[in-house]
C-alpha atoms as a PDB file:
ATOM      1  CA  MET A   1      81.293  60.677  -7.829  1.00  0.00           C
ATOM      2  CA  LEU A   2      77.917  61.037  -9.476  1.00  0.00           C
ATOM      3  CA  SER A   3      77.370  63.334 -12.388  1.00  0.00           C
ATOM      4  CA  PRO A   4      74.717  66.066 -12.036  1.00  0.00           C
ATOM      5  CA  GLU A   5      72.300  64.004 -14.140  1.00  0.00           C
ATOM      6  CA  GLU A   6      72.838  60.915 -11.972  1.00  0.00           C
ATOM      7  CA  ARG A   7      72.323  62.987  -8.801  1.00  0.00           C
ATOM      8  CA  ARG A   8      69.067  64.336 -10.208  1.00  0.00           C
ATOM      9  CA  ARG A   9      67.896  60.803 -11.023  1.00  0.00           C
ATOM     10  CA  CYS A  10      68.880  59.591  -7.573  1.00  0.00           C
ATOM     11  CA  ARG A  11      66.923  62.415  -5.887  1.00  0.00           C
ATOM     12  CA  GLU A  12      63.916  61.587  -8.061  1.00  0.00           C
ATOM     13  CA  ILE A  13      64.092  57.921  -7.059  1.00  0.00           C
ATOM     14  CA  GLU A  14      64.324  58.955  -3.403  1.00  0.00           C
ATOM     15  CA  ARG A  15      61.290  61.242  -3.754  1.00  0.00           C
ATOM     16  CA  ARG A  16      59.242  58.464  -5.380  1.00  0.00           C
ATOM     17  CA  LEU A  17      60.318  55.991  -2.718  1.00  0.00           C
ATOM     18  CA  THR A  18      59.310  58.406   0.028  1.00  0.00           C
ATOM     19  CA  ALA A  19      55.915  58.906  -1.590  1.00  0.00           C
ATOM     20  CA  ASP A  20      55.331  55.179  -2.252  1.00  0.00           C
ATOM     21  CA  ASP A  21      56.636  53.711   1.013  1.00  0.00           C
ATOM     22  CA  PRO A  22      57.331  56.292   3.745  1.00  0.00           C
ATOM     23  CA  ASP A  23      58.117  53.601   6.357  1.00  0.00           C
ATOM     24  CA  LEU A  24      60.878  52.094   4.224  1.00  0.00           C
ATOM     25  CA  ALA A  25      62.251  55.534   3.443  1.00  0.00           C
ATOM     26  CA  ALA A  26      62.360  56.364   7.176  1.00  0.00           C
ATOM     27  CA  ARG A  27      64.182  53.115   7.938  1.00  0.00           C
ATOM     28  CA  MET A  28      66.692  53.817   5.192  1.00  0.00           C
ATOM     29  CA  ARG A  29      67.415  57.262   6.648  1.00  0.00           C
ATOM     30  CA  THR A  30      68.110  56.022  10.182  1.00  0.00           C
ATOM     31  CA  PRO A  31      71.527  54.509  10.884  1.00  0.00           C
ATOM     32  CA  THR A  32      71.670  50.743  11.090  1.00  0.00           C
ATOM     33  CA  MET A  33      71.783  49.200  14.502  1.00  0.00           C
ATOM     34  CA  GLU A  34      75.084  47.611  15.427  1.00  0.00           C
ATOM     35  CA  ARG A  35      75.129  44.002  16.490  1.00  0.00           C
ATOM     36  CA  PRO A  36      75.358  43.617  20.256  1.00  0.00           C
ATOM     37  CA  PHE A  37      78.385  42.273  22.063  1.00  0.00           C
ATOM     38  CA  PRO A  38      78.395  38.434  21.773  1.00  0.00           C
ATOM     39  CA  VAL A  39      77.446  37.790  25.396  1.00  0.00           C
ATOM     40  CA  ILE A  40      76.107  34.278  24.830  1.00  0.00           C
ATOM     41  CA  PRO A  41      79.266  32.865  23.195  1.00  0.00           C
ATOM     42  CA  VAL A  42      81.357  34.484  25.924  1.00  0.00           C
ATOM     43  CA  LEU A  43      79.182  32.871  28.615  1.00  0.00           C
ATOM     44  CA  CYS A  44      79.462  29.497  26.865  1.00  0.00           C
ATOM     45  CA  VAL A  45      83.256  29.718  26.712  1.00  0.00           C
ATOM     46  CA  LEU A  46      83.328  30.787  30.355  1.00  0.00           C
ATOM     47  CA  GLY A  47      81.201  27.779  31.297  1.00  0.00           C
ATOM     48  CA  TRP A  48      83.440  25.498  29.237  1.00  0.00           C
ATOM     49  CA  ILE A  49      86.525  26.787  31.035  1.00  0.00           C
ATOM     50  CA  LEU A  50      85.065  26.847  34.551  1.00  0.00           C
ATOM     51  CA  SER A  51      83.311  23.459  34.457  1.00  0.00           C
ATOM     52  CA  PRO A  52      86.485  21.363  34.913  1.00  0.00           C
ATOM     53  CA  LEU A  53      87.708  23.734  37.604  1.00  0.00           C
ATOM     54  CA  LEU A  54      84.430  23.470  39.489  1.00  0.00           C
ATOM     55  CA  MET A  55      84.508  19.695  39.030  1.00  0.00           C
ATOM     56  CA  LEU A  56      87.913  19.532  40.690  1.00  0.00           C
ATOM     57  CA  LEU A  57      86.925  21.823  43.554  1.00  0.00           C
ATOM     58  CA  GLY A  58      83.391  20.679  44.309  1.00  0.00           C
ATOM     59  CA  GLY A  59      82.453  17.738  42.125  1.00  0.00           C
ATOM     60  CA  TRP A  60      79.102  17.437  40.397  1.00  0.00           C
ATOM     61  CA  ALA A  61      77.467  19.270  43.302  1.00  0.00           C
ATOM     62  CA  ALA A  62      79.273  22.435  42.151  1.00  0.00           C
ATOM     63  CA  VAL A  63      79.050  21.938  38.372  1.00  0.00           C
ATOM     64  CA  LEU A  64      75.323  21.246  38.007  1.00  0.00           C
ATOM     65  CA  PRO A  65      74.075  24.403  39.777  1.00  0.00           C
ATOM     66  CA  ALA A  66      76.652  26.497  37.906  1.00  0.00           C
ATOM     67  CA  LEU A  67      75.484  25.097  34.549  1.00  0.00           C
ATOM     68  CA  ALA A  68      71.861  25.671  35.551  1.00  0.00           C
ATOM     69  CA  LEU A  69      72.660  29.325  36.353  1.00  0.00           C
ATOM     70  CA  LEU A  70      74.535  29.672  33.072  1.00  0.00           C
ATOM     71  CA  GLY A  71      71.550  28.259  31.164  1.00  0.00           C
ATOM     72  CA  ALA A  72      69.178  30.597  32.999  1.00  0.00           C
ATOM     73  CA  ALA A  73      71.409  33.577  32.174  1.00  0.00           C
ATOM     74  CA  ILE A  74      71.510  32.651  28.482  1.00  0.00           C
ATOM     75  CA  LEU A  75      67.739  32.152  28.405  1.00  0.00           C
ATOM     76  CA  GLY A  76      67.233  35.508  30.121  1.00  0.00           C
ATOM     77  CA  ILE A  77      69.471  37.275  27.607  1.00  0.00           C
ATOM     78  CA  LEU A  78      67.668  35.659  24.665  1.00  0.00           C
ATOM     79  CA  LEU A  79      64.248  36.597  26.036  1.00  0.00           C
ATOM     80  CA  TRP A  80      65.341  40.175  26.757  1.00  0.00           C
ATOM     81  CA  ARG A  81      66.768  40.572  23.249  1.00  0.00           C
ATOM     82  CA  ARG A  82      63.616  39.126  21.717  1.00  0.00           C
ATOM     83  CA  ARG A  83      61.433  41.494  23.730  1.00  0.00           C
ATOM     84  CA  HIS A  84      63.504  44.508  22.675  1.00  0.00           C
ATOM     85  CA  ARG A  85      63.958  43.215  19.128  1.00  0.00           C
ATOM     86  CA  ILE A  86      67.743  43.101  19.289  1.00  0.00           C
ATOM     87  CA  PRO A  87      69.353  40.720  16.787  1.00  0.00           C
ATOM     88  CA  VAL A  88      70.999  37.622  18.190  1.00  0.00           C
END
């Protein structure tokens, strides 16, 4: 717990920060954004697991389109996150 003198100093630092850099002060006040669910690693693991299964059922004719769709999904997710400034 802070002493009354330390609290006063802290408030003074906060006031100066708000006056010097209001954008930084506003960012410090807002809660931090949580990292999104790890969709890309989950898709990669899913592709790793399903590739041999698809190979057994349909051969390369089934695996290649599935991997292409997986790559397109990952690219789409990365582009969407970049556009909305969500951390990867």
